[in-house]
Amino acid sequence: MARVVRFHQTGGPEVLKIEDLEVPPPGPGEIQIRVHALGLNRAEAMFRRGQYLEDPKLPARLGYEAAGTVAAIGPGVQGFQVGDAVSTIPAFSLNSYGLYGELANAPVHAVAHHPPSLSWIEAAAVWMQYLTAYGALIDIAGLKTGDAVVIPAASSSVGLAAIQIANKVGAVPIALTRGSAKRLALLDAGAAHVIATGEQDLVQEILGLTGGKGARVVFDPVGGPTFNKLIEATARLGIVFLYGALSPEPTPLPLFDVLRKWITIRGYVLMEITGDPQRFERGKAFVNAGLADGSFRPVIARTFPLDQIVEAHRYLESNQQVGKVVVTV
């Protein structure tokens, strides 16, 4: 028996329950992991609320990101041994696998050897944030030296990863945050500039920082009414990614500006990268290289024990954090 987190109805953090369950042995192509740490993310919160890309099949489990040791290996699995330190990559459906708990099975294609330079807590915070940012900024947009990239919700783990990736390739990360309370933390995290959107004119600030040209890349998980301003602040032939819908309000389409400046607007989800074996391998190599040379270092906002999984989810949704929320097991 192992302690496992499930929910039997959709809703707020309070629907999460810790239950004692029998975890089956790993099947073909699966690895069983003794979990030491879990990284939390907004996709899981949306899945819990029934607002994600797929509806949960109740009772449902949660968890994309875990770090731990290999407890057992299923038939046909190669390259791993019992006792190996590993971390997981969000490359599966939450209706097929869930990692919140003491023991969990995961598909082998979504398991990577634990980066030796990282703690369990840091390893649980790696793959969602860095691969998500890599896919949009590097794989698709080809971010390069001198490019200005605007990063809304910059204090999120993905936002901070985007800042680090921009700096790695010599681009100029412009961080957006609602108020000035997180300004210093974002500058310390590597942002070249920070704009408090509730206190400053977003468009004028970005145009001023880019010599009137606007940003070549915008990496937006929010949408909503601010999207119009982001388009105004995007350069001719720029590209705007929408990879989330954190705003509860509708997202407008400023068609005239899009056509006038030949701007590309595209939806983006991580599965676009993890679903393509070649792109997936390139992404993993890019992230591992950044971890190895010190360009990438996960920022941990706060940790909670597994017994406080409800409180951890409440904190995740509070928008107080700068960086990743991690649960220790």
C-alpha atoms as a PDB file:
ATOM      1  CA  MET A   1       0.000   0.000   0.000  1.00  0.00           C
ATOM      2  CA  ALA A   2       1.109   3.568  -0.669  1.00  0.00           C
ATOM      3  CA  ARG A   3      -0.291   7.004   0.063  1.00  0.00           C
ATOM      4  CA  VAL A   4      -1.697   8.414  -3.174  1.00  0.00           C
ATOM      5  CA  VAL A   5      -3.526  11.672  -3.944  1.00  0.00           C
ATOM      6  CA  ARG A   6      -6.819  11.422  -5.855  1.00  0.00           C
ATOM      7  CA  PHE A   7      -9.955  13.488  -6.347  1.00  0.00           C
ATOM      8  CA  HIS A   8     -13.494  12.160  -6.746  1.00  0.00           C
ATOM      9  CA  GLN A   9     -15.060  15.401  -7.989  1.00  0.00           C
ATOM     10  CA  THR A  10     -13.773  18.475  -9.749  1.00  0.00           C
ATOM     11  CA  GLY A  11     -13.332  21.690  -7.829  1.00  0.00           C
ATOM     12  CA  GLY A  12     -10.928  23.662  -5.658  1.00  0.00           C
ATOM     13  CA  PRO A  13      -7.887  22.356  -3.776  1.00  0.00           C
ATOM     14  CA  GLU A  14     -10.120  20.884  -1.065  1.00  0.00           C
ATOM     15  CA  VAL A  15     -11.222  18.036  -3.378  1.00  0.00           C
ATOM     16  CA  LEU A  16      -7.750  16.479  -3.157  1.00  0.00           C
ATOM     17  CA  LYS A  17      -7.655  13.463  -0.832  1.00  0.00           C
ATOM     18  CA  ILE A  18      -4.761  11.305   0.360  1.00  0.00           C
ATOM     19  CA  GLU A  19      -5.757   7.635   0.172  1.00  0.00           C
ATOM     20  CA  ASP A  20      -4.011   4.333   0.894  1.00  0.00           C
ATOM     21  CA  LEU A  21      -3.999   2.398  -2.371  1.00  0.00           C
ATOM     22  CA  GLU A  22      -2.348  -0.635  -3.865  1.00  0.00           C
ATOM     23  CA  VAL A  23      -0.113   0.547  -6.717  1.00  0.00           C
ATOM     24  CA  PRO A  24       0.136  -2.173  -9.388  1.00  0.00           C
ATOM     25  CA  PRO A  25       3.549  -3.297 -10.640  1.00  0.00           C
ATOM     26  CA  PRO A  26       4.796  -1.512 -13.765  1.00  0.00           C
ATOM     27  CA  GLY A  27       3.505  -2.892 -17.044  1.00  0.00           C
ATOM     28  CA  PRO A  28       5.317  -3.159 -20.375  1.00  0.00           C
ATOM     29  CA  GLY A  29       7.210   0.044 -21.118  1.00  0.00           C
ATOM     30  CA  GLU A  30       6.657   1.428 -17.610  1.00  0.00           C
ATOM     31  CA  ILE A  31       8.893   2.367 -14.700  1.00  0.00           C
ATOM     32  CA  GLN A  32       7.774   2.471 -11.078  1.00  0.00           C
ATOM     33  CA  ILE A  33       9.189   5.372  -9.089  1.00  0.00           C
ATOM     34  CA  ARG A  34       9.610   5.809  -5.353  1.00  0.00           C
ATOM     35  CA  VAL A  35       8.759   9.518  -5.279  1.00  0.00           C
ATOM     36  CA  HIS A  36      10.824  12.000  -3.246  1.00  0.00           C
ATOM     37  CA  ALA A  37       9.504  15.312  -4.618  1.00  0.00           C
ATOM     38  CA  LEU A  38       6.691  16.610  -6.839  1.00  0.00           C
ATOM     39  CA  GLY A  39       6.607  19.795  -8.901  1.00  0.00           C
ATOM     40  CA  LEU A  40       3.191  21.475  -9.079  1.00  0.00           C
ATOM     41  CA  ASN A  41       1.934  23.386 -12.093  1.00  0.00           C
ATOM     42  CA  ARG A  42      -1.125  25.244 -13.362  1.00  0.00           C
ATOM     43  CA  ALA A  43      -2.093  22.507 -15.806  1.00  0.00           C
ATOM     44  CA  GLU A  44      -2.730  20.195 -12.861  1.00  0.00           C
ATOM     45  CA  ALA A  45      -4.848  22.812 -11.097  1.00  0.00           C
ATOM     46  CA  MET A  46      -6.918  23.279 -14.264  1.00  0.00           C
ATOM     47  CA  PHE A  47      -7.322  19.502 -14.639  1.00  0.00           C
ATOM     48  CA  ARG A  48      -8.477  19.300 -11.021  1.00  0.00           C
ATOM     49  CA  ARG A  49     -11.107  21.983 -11.724  1.00  0.00           C
ATOM     50  CA  GLY A  50     -12.272  20.307 -14.948  1.00  0.00           C
ATOM     51  CA  GLN A  51     -10.964  23.225 -17.029  1.00  0.00           C
ATOM     52  CA  TYR A  52      -8.052  21.558 -18.821  1.00  0.00           C
ATOM     53  CA  LEU A  53      -7.592  20.237 -22.357  1.00  0.00           C
ATOM     54  CA  GLU A  54      -9.143  16.911 -21.299  1.00  0.00           C
ATOM     55  CA  ASP A  55     -11.801  16.128 -18.705  1.00  0.00           C
ATOM     56  CA  PRO A  56     -10.712  14.019 -15.719  1.00  0.00           C
ATOM     57  CA  LYS A  57     -12.040  10.471 -15.492  1.00  0.00           C
ATOM     58  CA  LEU A  58     -13.093  10.224 -11.856  1.00  0.00           C
ATOM     59  CA  PRO A  59     -11.725   9.180  -9.465  1.00  0.00           C
ATOM     60  CA  ALA A  60      -8.661  10.820 -10.961  1.00  0.00           C
ATOM     61  CA  ARG A  61      -4.997  11.206 -10.075  1.00  0.00           C
ATOM     62  CA  LEU A  62      -2.749  14.201 -10.635  1.00  0.00           C
ATOM     63  CA  GLY A  63       0.911  14.806 -11.275  1.00  0.00           C
ATOM     64  CA  TYR A  64       3.167  15.421 -14.243  1.00  0.00           C
ATOM     65  CA  GLU A  65       6.490  16.092 -12.504  1.00  0.00           C
ATOM     66  CA  ALA A  66       8.219  13.855  -9.990  1.00  0.00           C
ATOM     67  CA  ALA A  67      11.753  13.079  -8.896  1.00  0.00           C
ATOM     68  CA  GLY A  68      12.713   9.877  -7.123  1.00  0.00           C
ATOM     69  CA  THR A  69      14.377   6.501  -7.432  1.00  0.00           C
ATOM     70  CA  VAL A  70      13.442   3.580  -9.668  1.00  0.00           C
ATOM     71  CA  ALA A  71      11.553   1.022  -7.559  1.00  0.00           C
ATOM     72  CA  ALA A  72      10.727  -1.492 -10.305  1.00  0.00           C
ATOM     73  CA  ILE A  73      11.031  -1.885 -14.071  1.00  0.00           C
ATOM     74  CA  GLY A  74       8.366  -3.205 -16.409  1.00  0.00           C
ATOM     75  CA  PRO A  75       8.899  -5.667 -19.269  1.00  0.00           C
ATOM     76  CA  GLY A  76      10.843  -4.325 -22.226  1.00  0.00           C
ATOM     77  CA  VAL A  77      12.364  -1.350 -20.409  1.00  0.00           C
ATOM     78  CA  GLN A  78      16.048  -0.709 -21.076  1.00  0.00           C
ATOM     79  CA  GLY A  79      18.521   1.893 -19.871  1.00  0.00           C
ATOM     80  CA  PHE A  80      17.270   2.019 -16.269  1.00  0.00           C
ATOM     81  CA  GLN A  81      18.048  -0.001 -13.147  1.00  0.00           C
ATOM     82  CA  VAL A  82      16.384  -0.258  -9.751  1.00  0.00           C
ATOM     83  CA  GLY A  83      17.807   2.489  -7.560  1.00  0.00           C
ATOM     84  CA  ASP A  84      18.520   4.938 -10.400  1.00  0.00           C
ATOM     85  CA  ALA A  85      17.735   8.571  -9.624  1.00  0.00           C
ATOM     86  CA  VAL A  86      15.182   9.838 -12.162  1.00  0.00           C
ATOM     87  CA  SER A  87      12.776  12.665 -12.901  1.00  0.00           C
ATOM     88  CA  THR A  88       9.677  12.711 -15.100  1.00  0.00           C
ATOM     89  CA  ILE A  89       8.739  14.747 -18.150  1.00  0.00           C
ATOM     90  CA  PRO A  90       5.126  15.849 -18.879  1.00  0.00           C
ATOM     91  CA  ALA A  91       4.669  13.606 -21.913  1.00  0.00           C
ATOM     92  CA  PHE A  92       1.505  11.661 -21.076  1.00  0.00           C
ATOM     93  CA  SER A  93      -2.183  12.094 -20.332  1.00  0.00           C
ATOM     94  CA  LEU A  94      -3.208  12.741 -16.739  1.00  0.00           C
ATOM     95  CA  ASN A  95      -6.015  10.271 -17.325  1.00  0.00           C
ATOM     96  CA  SER A  96      -3.392   7.578 -17.957  1.00  0.00           C
ATOM     97  CA  TYR A  97      -0.826   8.371 -15.277  1.00  0.00           C
ATOM     98  CA  GLY A  98      -0.655  10.434 -12.095  1.00  0.00           C
ATOM     99  CA  LEU A  99       2.422  10.951  -9.929  1.00  0.00           C
ATOM    100  CA  TYR A 100       1.106  12.530  -6.720  1.00  0.00           C
ATOM    101  CA  GLY A 101       1.938   9.950  -4.076  1.00  0.00           C
ATOM    102  CA  GLU A 102       4.657   7.828  -2.526  1.00  0.00           C
ATOM    103  CA  LEU A 103       4.789   5.348  -5.395  1.00  0.00           C
ATOM    104  CA  ALA A 104       3.806   5.846  -9.038  1.00  0.00           C
ATOM    105  CA  ASN A 105       4.163   4.265 -12.460  1.00  0.00           C
ATOM    106  CA  ALA A 106       5.254   6.317 -15.476  1.00  0.00           C
ATOM    107  CA  PRO A 107       5.849   5.520 -19.171  1.00  0.00           C
ATOM    108  CA  VAL A 108       9.540   5.033 -19.898  1.00  0.00           C
ATOM    109  CA  HIS A 109       9.583   7.679 -22.646  1.00  0.00           C
ATOM    110  CA  ALA A 110       8.673  10.274 -20.001  1.00  0.00           C
ATOM    111  CA  VAL A 111      11.438   9.327 -17.539  1.00  0.00           C
ATOM    112  CA  ALA A 112      14.930  10.813 -17.555  1.00  0.00           C
ATOM    113  CA  HIS A 113      17.948  10.160 -15.399  1.00  0.00           C
ATOM    114  CA  HIS A 114      18.152  12.584 -12.521  1.00  0.00           C
ATOM    115  CA  PRO A 115      20.520  15.495 -13.276  1.00  0.00           C
ATOM    116  CA  PRO A 116      23.405  14.844 -10.842  1.00  0.00           C
ATOM    117  CA  SER A 117      23.878  18.518  -9.986  1.00  0.00           C
ATOM    118  CA  LEU A 118      20.320  18.955  -8.688  1.00  0.00           C
ATOM    119  CA  SER A 119      18.589  18.110  -5.442  1.00  0.00           C
ATOM    120  CA  TRP A 120      15.368  16.082  -5.462  1.00  0.00           C
ATOM    121  CA  ILE A 121      13.403  19.302  -5.036  1.00  0.00           C
ATOM    122  CA  GLU A 122      15.150  20.984  -7.966  1.00  0.00           C
ATOM    123  CA  ALA A 123      14.886  17.896 -10.184  1.00  0.00           C
ATOM    124  CA  ALA A 124      11.105  17.844  -9.684  1.00  0.00           C
ATOM    125  CA  ALA A 125      11.002  21.404 -11.004  1.00  0.00           C
ATOM    126  CA  VAL A 126      12.918  20.951 -14.267  1.00  0.00           C
ATOM    127  CA  TRP A 127      11.033  19.516 -17.179  1.00  0.00           C
ATOM    128  CA  MET A 128       7.678  21.285 -17.395  1.00  0.00           C
ATOM    129  CA  GLN A 129       9.161  24.744 -17.152  1.00  0.00           C
ATOM    130  CA  TYR A 130      12.247  24.403 -19.324  1.00  0.00           C
ATOM    131  CA  LEU A 131      10.780  22.217 -22.078  1.00  0.00           C
ATOM    132  CA  THR A 132       7.669  24.398 -22.321  1.00  0.00           C
ATOM    133  CA  ALA A 133       9.733  27.550 -22.761  1.00  0.00           C
ATOM    134  CA  TYR A 134      12.255  25.817 -25.036  1.00  0.00           C
ATOM    135  CA  GLY A 135       9.584  24.561 -27.428  1.00  0.00           C
ATOM    136  CA  ALA A 136       8.140  27.988 -28.124  1.00  0.00           C
ATOM    137  CA  LEU A 137      11.223  30.187 -27.871  1.00  0.00           C
ATOM    138  CA  ILE A 138      13.903  27.976 -29.420  1.00  0.00           C
ATOM    139  CA  ASP A 139      12.287  25.158 -31.410  1.00  0.00           C
ATOM    140  CA  ILE A 140       9.586  27.300 -33.042  1.00  0.00           C
ATOM    141  CA  ALA A 141      10.584  30.982 -32.796  1.00  0.00           C
ATOM    142  CA  GLY A 142      14.333  30.450 -33.150  1.00  0.00           C
ATOM    143  CA  LEU A 143      15.092  33.099 -30.506  1.00  0.00           C
ATOM    144  CA  LYS A 144      18.536  34.578 -31.066  1.00  0.00           C
ATOM    145  CA  THR A 145      20.964  37.233 -29.906  1.00  0.00           C
ATOM    146  CA  GLY A 146      19.404  40.675 -29.619  1.00  0.00           C
ATOM    147  CA  ASP A 147      15.780  39.541 -29.961  1.00  0.00           C
ATOM    148  CA  ALA A 148      13.389  41.161 -27.497  1.00  0.00           C
ATOM    149  CA  VAL A 149      11.030  38.636 -25.905  1.00  0.00           C
ATOM    150  CA  VAL A 150       8.091  39.716 -23.748  1.00  0.00           C
ATOM    151  CA  ILE A 151       7.231  37.317 -20.914  1.00  0.00           C
ATOM    152  CA  PRO A 152       3.867  37.860 -19.155  1.00  0.00           C
ATOM    153  CA  ALA A 153       3.393  36.112 -15.785  1.00  0.00           C
ATOM    154  CA  ALA A 154       7.163  36.182 -15.557  1.00  0.00           C
ATOM    155  CA  SER A 155       7.282  35.098 -11.909  1.00  0.00           C
ATOM    156  CA  SER A 156       5.822  31.679 -12.777  1.00  0.00           C
ATOM    157  CA  SER A 157       8.236  28.769 -13.138  1.00  0.00           C
ATOM    158  CA  VAL A 158       7.814  28.761 -16.937  1.00  0.00           C
ATOM    159  CA  GLY A 159       8.286  32.536 -17.016  1.00  0.00           C
ATOM    160  CA  LEU A 160      11.534  32.263 -15.064  1.00  0.00           C
ATOM    161  CA  ALA A 161      12.695  29.442 -17.340  1.00  0.00           C
ATOM    162  CA  ALA A 162      11.951  31.684 -20.343  1.00  0.00           C
ATOM    163  CA  ILE A 163      14.129  34.409 -18.810  1.00  0.00           C
ATOM    164  CA  GLN A 164      17.009  31.975 -18.331  1.00  0.00           C
ATOM    165  CA  ILE A 165      16.655  30.585 -21.870  1.00  0.00           C
ATOM    166  CA  ALA A 166      16.580  34.091 -23.355  1.00  0.00           C
ATOM    167  CA  ASN A 167      19.756  34.971 -21.508  1.00  0.00           C
ATOM    168  CA  LYS A 168      21.434  31.749 -22.617  1.00  0.00           C
ATOM    169  CA  VAL A 169      21.010  32.653 -26.304  1.00  0.00           C
ATOM    170  CA  GLY A 170      21.727  36.383 -25.848  1.00  0.00           C
ATOM    171  CA  ALA A 171      18.144  37.619 -26.253  1.00  0.00           C
ATOM    172  CA  VAL A 172      16.579  40.420 -24.180  1.00  0.00           C
ATOM    173  CA  PRO A 173      13.941  39.156 -21.696  1.00  0.00           C
ATOM    174  CA  ILE A 174      11.278  41.744 -20.812  1.00  0.00           C
ATOM    175  CA  ALA A 175       9.353  40.491 -17.788  1.00  0.00           C
ATOM    176  CA  LEU A 176       5.750  41.485 -17.115  1.00  0.00           C
ATOM    177  CA  THR A 177       4.173  41.431 -13.656  1.00  0.00           C
ATOM    178  CA  ARG A 178       0.990  43.053 -12.383  1.00  0.00           C
ATOM    179  CA  GLY A 179       2.556  45.130  -9.601  1.00  0.00           C
ATOM    180  CA  SER A 180       6.003  46.256  -8.543  1.00  0.00           C
ATOM    181  CA  ALA A 181       6.275  43.865  -5.555  1.00  0.00           C
ATOM    182  CA  LYS A 182       8.097  41.230  -7.649  1.00  0.00           C
ATOM    183  CA  ARG A 183      10.267  43.645  -9.631  1.00  0.00           C
ATOM    184  CA  LEU A 184      13.491  43.072  -7.678  1.00  0.00           C
ATOM    185  CA  ALA A 185      13.025  39.292  -7.651  1.00  0.00           C
ATOM    186  CA  LEU A 186      12.581  39.273 -11.433  1.00  0.00           C
ATOM    187  CA  LEU A 187      15.646  41.434 -11.982  1.00  0.00           C
ATOM    188  CA  ASP A 188      17.604  39.111  -9.703  1.00  0.00           C
ATOM    189  CA  ALA A 189      16.290  36.193 -11.770  1.00  0.00           C
ATOM    190  CA  GLY A 190      17.858  37.663 -14.909  1.00  0.00           C
ATOM    191  CA  ALA A 191      15.174  39.839 -16.503  1.00  0.00           C
ATOM    192  CA  ALA A 192      16.724  42.663 -18.504  1.00  0.00           C
ATOM    193  CA  HIS A 193      13.657  44.833 -17.860  1.00  0.00           C
ATOM    194  CA  VAL A 194      10.546  44.536 -15.700  1.00  0.00           C
ATOM    195  CA  ILE A 195       7.223  46.212 -16.487  1.00  0.00           C
ATOM    196  CA  ALA A 196       4.486  46.411 -13.846  1.00  0.00           C
ATOM    197  CA  THR A 197       1.425  46.290 -16.085  1.00  0.00           C
ATOM    198  CA  GLY A 198      -0.900  47.686 -13.430  1.00  0.00           C
ATOM    199  CA  GLU A 199       1.302  50.734 -12.925  1.00  0.00           C
ATOM    200  CA  GLN A 200       2.958  51.426 -16.288  1.00  0.00           C
ATOM    201  CA  ASP A 201       1.860  51.832 -19.889  1.00  0.00           C
ATOM    202  CA  LEU A 202       2.671  48.406 -21.291  1.00  0.00           C
ATOM    203  CA  VAL A 203       2.809  49.428 -24.942  1.00  0.00           C
ATOM    204  CA  GLN A 204       4.843  52.582 -24.463  1.00  0.00           C
ATOM    205  CA  GLU A 205       7.329  50.825 -22.185  1.00  0.00           C
ATOM    206  CA  ILE A 206       7.988  47.990 -24.644  1.00  0.00           C
ATOM    207  CA  LEU A 207       8.230  50.322 -27.621  1.00  0.00           C
ATOM    208  CA  GLY A 208      10.610  52.522 -25.668  1.00  0.00           C
ATOM    209  CA  LEU A 209      12.829  49.568 -24.760  1.00  0.00           C
ATOM    210  CA  THR A 210      12.949  48.330 -28.362  1.00  0.00           C
ATOM    211  CA  GLY A 211      13.588  51.609 -30.135  1.00  0.00           C
ATOM    212  CA  GLY A 212       9.998  51.760 -31.374  1.00  0.00           C
ATOM    213  CA  LYS A 213      10.171  48.418 -33.185  1.00  0.00           C
ATOM    214  CA  GLY A 214       8.367  46.250 -30.652  1.00  0.00           C
ATOM    215  CA  ALA A 215       9.224  42.748 -29.441  1.00  0.00           C
ATOM    216  CA  ARG A 216       9.927  39.981 -31.940  1.00  0.00           C
ATOM    217  CA  VAL A 217       8.513  37.281 -29.613  1.00  0.00           C
ATOM    218  CA  VAL A 218       5.719  37.327 -27.024  1.00  0.00           C
ATOM    219  CA  PHE A 219       5.255  34.273 -24.781  1.00  0.00           C
ATOM    220  CA  ASP A 220       1.847  34.648 -23.121  1.00  0.00           C
ATOM    221  CA  PRO A 221       0.068  32.212 -20.743  1.00  0.00           C
ATOM    222  CA  VAL A 222      -2.620  34.713 -19.768  1.00  0.00           C
ATOM    223  CA  GLY A 223      -4.703  36.006 -22.698  1.00  0.00           C
ATOM    224  CA  GLY A 224      -7.628  38.234 -21.756  1.00  0.00           C
ATOM    225  CA  PRO A 225      -7.984  41.975 -22.411  1.00  0.00           C
ATOM    226  CA  THR A 226      -4.225  42.669 -22.137  1.00  0.00           C
ATOM    227  CA  PHE A 227      -3.707  40.649 -25.318  1.00  0.00           C
ATOM    228  CA  ASN A 228      -4.606  43.707 -27.423  1.00  0.00           C
ATOM    229  CA  LYS A 229      -1.751  45.629 -25.848  1.00  0.00           C
ATOM    230  CA  LEU A 230       0.688  42.792 -26.428  1.00  0.00           C
ATOM    231  CA  ILE A 231      -0.162  42.824 -30.138  1.00  0.00           C
ATOM    232  CA  GLU A 232       0.374  46.590 -30.227  1.00  0.00           C
ATOM    233  CA  ALA A 233       3.813  46.045 -28.685  1.00  0.00           C
ATOM    234  CA  THR A 234       4.805  43.254 -31.099  1.00  0.00           C
ATOM    235  CA  ALA A 235       7.185  43.984 -33.950  1.00  0.00           C
ATOM    236  CA  ARG A 236       6.405  43.597 -37.632  1.00  0.00           C
ATOM    237  CA  LEU A 237       6.730  39.896 -38.551  1.00  0.00           C
ATOM    238  CA  GLY A 238       6.762  39.052 -34.840  1.00  0.00           C
ATOM    239  CA  ILE A 239       5.318  35.898 -33.307  1.00  0.00           C
ATOM    240  CA  VAL A 240       2.921  35.731 -30.360  1.00  0.00           C
ATOM    241  CA  PHE A 241       2.423  32.473 -28.443  1.00  0.00           C
ATOM    242  CA  LEU A 242      -0.671  31.752 -26.391  1.00  0.00           C
ATOM    243  CA  TYR A 243       0.110  28.765 -24.203  1.00  0.00           C
ATOM    244  CA  GLY A 244      -2.440  29.264 -21.426  1.00  0.00           C
ATOM    245  CA  ALA A 245      -5.676  30.938 -20.474  1.00  0.00           C
ATOM    246  CA  LEU A 246      -5.065  32.269 -16.964  1.00  0.00           C
ATOM    247  CA  SER A 247      -7.345  35.247 -17.538  1.00  0.00           C
ATOM    248  CA  PRO A 248     -11.016  34.473 -16.887  1.00  0.00           C
ATOM    249  CA  GLU A 249     -12.009  37.127 -19.439  1.00  0.00           C
ATOM    250  CA  PRO A 250     -12.306  36.629 -23.224  1.00  0.00           C
ATOM    251  CA  THR A 251      -9.208  37.130 -25.353  1.00  0.00           C
ATOM    252  CA  PRO A 252      -9.804  39.635 -28.185  1.00  0.00           C
ATOM    253  CA  LEU A 253      -8.278  39.351 -31.636  1.00  0.00           C
ATOM    254  CA  PRO A 254      -7.015  42.757 -32.846  1.00  0.00           C
ATOM    255  CA  LEU A 255      -7.219  41.681 -36.464  1.00  0.00           C
ATOM    256  CA  PHE A 256      -6.193  44.988 -38.063  1.00  0.00           C
ATOM    257  CA  ASP A 257      -2.903  45.170 -36.162  1.00  0.00           C
ATOM    258  CA  VAL A 258      -2.198  41.497 -36.848  1.00  0.00           C
ATOM    259  CA  LEU A 259      -2.695  41.947 -40.598  1.00  0.00           C
ATOM    260  CA  ARG A 260      -0.979  45.320 -40.780  1.00  0.00           C
ATOM    261  CA  LYS A 261       2.190  44.033 -39.110  1.00  0.00           C
ATOM    262  CA  TRP A 262       2.076  40.458 -40.471  1.00  0.00           C
ATOM    263  CA  ILE A 263       2.133  39.057 -36.957  1.00  0.00           C
ATOM    264  CA  THR A 264       1.860  35.314 -36.363  1.00  0.00           C
ATOM    265  CA  ILE A 265      -0.416  34.290 -33.487  1.00  0.00           C
ATOM    266  CA  ARG A 266      -0.353  30.640 -32.552  1.00  0.00           C
ATOM    267  CA  GLY A 267      -1.534  28.352 -29.817  1.00  0.00           C
ATOM    268  CA  TYR A 268       1.118  26.195 -28.238  1.00  0.00           C
ATOM    269  CA  VAL A 269       1.207  23.285 -25.790  1.00  0.00           C
ATOM    270  CA  LEU A 270       4.172  21.224 -24.611  1.00  0.00           C
ATOM    271  CA  MET A 271       2.780  18.059 -26.221  1.00  0.00           C
ATOM    272  CA  GLU A 272       3.726  19.598 -29.577  1.00  0.00           C
ATOM    273  CA  ILE A 273       7.348  18.930 -28.595  1.00  0.00           C
ATOM    274  CA  THR A 274       7.022  15.759 -26.535  1.00  0.00           C
ATOM    275  CA  GLY A 275       4.823  14.158 -29.197  1.00  0.00           C
ATOM    276  CA  ASP A 276       7.578  14.377 -31.830  1.00  0.00           C
ATOM    277  CA  PRO A 277      10.506  12.069 -30.953  1.00  0.00           C
ATOM    278  CA  GLN A 278      13.162  14.117 -32.749  1.00  0.00           C
ATOM    279  CA  ARG A 279      12.038  17.456 -31.341  1.00  0.00           C
ATOM    280  CA  PHE A 280      11.672  15.851 -27.914  1.00  0.00           C
ATOM    281  CA  GLU A 281      15.275  14.597 -27.974  1.00  0.00           C
ATOM    282  CA  ARG A 282      16.569  17.994 -29.100  1.00  0.00           C
ATOM    283  CA  GLY A 283      14.650  19.640 -26.278  1.00  0.00           C
ATOM    284  CA  LYS A 284      16.007  17.268 -23.646  1.00  0.00           C
ATOM    285  CA  ALA A 285      19.552  17.831 -24.912  1.00  0.00           C
ATOM    286  CA  PHE A 286      19.089  21.628 -24.775  1.00  0.00           C
ATOM    287  CA  VAL A 287      17.752  21.520 -21.210  1.00  0.00           C
ATOM    288  CA  ASN A 288      20.432  19.115 -19.988  1.00  0.00           C
ATOM    289  CA  ALA A 289      23.151  21.293 -21.522  1.00  0.00           C
ATOM    290  CA  GLY A 290      21.783  24.342 -19.700  1.00  0.00           C
ATOM    291  CA  LEU A 291      21.644  22.448 -16.418  1.00  0.00           C
ATOM    292  CA  ALA A 292      25.186  21.165 -16.912  1.00  0.00           C
ATOM    293  CA  ASP A 293      26.747  24.566 -17.633  1.00  0.00           C
ATOM    294  CA  GLY A 294      24.779  26.374 -14.930  1.00  0.00           C
ATOM    295  CA  SER A 295      22.682  28.502 -17.320  1.00  0.00           C
ATOM    296  CA  PHE A 296      19.534  26.894 -15.932  1.00  0.00           C
ATOM    297  CA  ARG A 297      18.734  26.616 -12.249  1.00  0.00           C
ATOM    298  CA  PRO A 298      15.160  26.076 -11.081  1.00  0.00           C
ATOM    299  CA  VAL A 299      13.856  28.751  -8.728  1.00  0.00           C
ATOM    300  CA  ILE A 300      11.918  27.190  -5.854  1.00  0.00           C
ATOM    301  CA  ALA A 301       9.241  29.409  -4.337  1.00  0.00           C
ATOM    302  CA  ARG A 302       8.179  27.174  -1.459  1.00  0.00           C
ATOM    303  CA  THR A 303       7.976  23.530  -0.440  1.00  0.00           C
ATOM    304  CA  PHE A 304       5.183  21.631   1.329  1.00  0.00           C
ATOM    305  CA  PRO A 305       5.021  18.066   2.698  1.00  0.00           C
ATOM    306  CA  LEU A 306       2.639  15.650   0.995  1.00  0.00           C
ATOM    307  CA  ASP A 307       0.261  15.892   3.959  1.00  0.00           C
ATOM    308  CA  GLN A 308      -0.274  19.540   2.994  1.00  0.00           C
ATOM    309  CA  ILE A 309      -1.148  18.916  -0.667  1.00  0.00           C
ATOM    310  CA  VAL A 310      -4.350  20.978  -0.333  1.00  0.00           C
ATOM    311  CA  GLU A 311      -2.433  23.933   1.118  1.00  0.00           C
ATOM    312  CA  ALA A 312       0.202  23.551  -1.617  1.00  0.00           C
ATOM    313  CA  HIS A 313      -2.479  23.844  -4.318  1.00  0.00           C
ATOM    314  CA  ARG A 314      -4.005  26.857  -2.590  1.00  0.00           C
ATOM    315  CA  TYR A 315      -0.597  28.535  -2.592  1.00  0.00           C
ATOM    316  CA  LEU A 316      -0.082  27.595  -6.254  1.00  0.00           C
ATOM    317  CA  GLU A 317      -3.296  29.447  -7.154  1.00  0.00           C
ATOM    318  CA  SER A 318      -2.583  32.447  -4.908  1.00  0.00           C
ATOM    319  CA  ASN A 319      -0.130  34.054  -7.381  1.00  0.00           C
ATOM    320  CA  GLN A 320       2.130  34.956  -4.453  1.00  0.00           C
ATOM    321  CA  GLN A 321       5.021  32.781  -5.556  1.00  0.00           C
ATOM    322  CA  VAL A 322       8.133  33.518  -7.554  1.00  0.00           C
ATOM    323  CA  GLY A 323       9.170  30.186  -9.010  1.00  0.00           C
ATOM    324  CA  LYS A 324       8.116  26.585  -8.518  1.00  0.00           C
ATOM    325  CA  VAL A 325       5.925  25.130  -5.773  1.00  0.00           C
ATOM    326  CA  VAL A 326       7.272  21.711  -4.755  1.00  0.00           C
ATOM    327  CA  VAL A 327       5.818  18.988  -2.527  1.00  0.00           C
ATOM    328  CA  THR A 328       8.200  16.682  -0.672  1.00  0.00           C
ATOM    329  CA  VAL A 329       7.304  13.044  -0.076  1.00  0.00           C
END
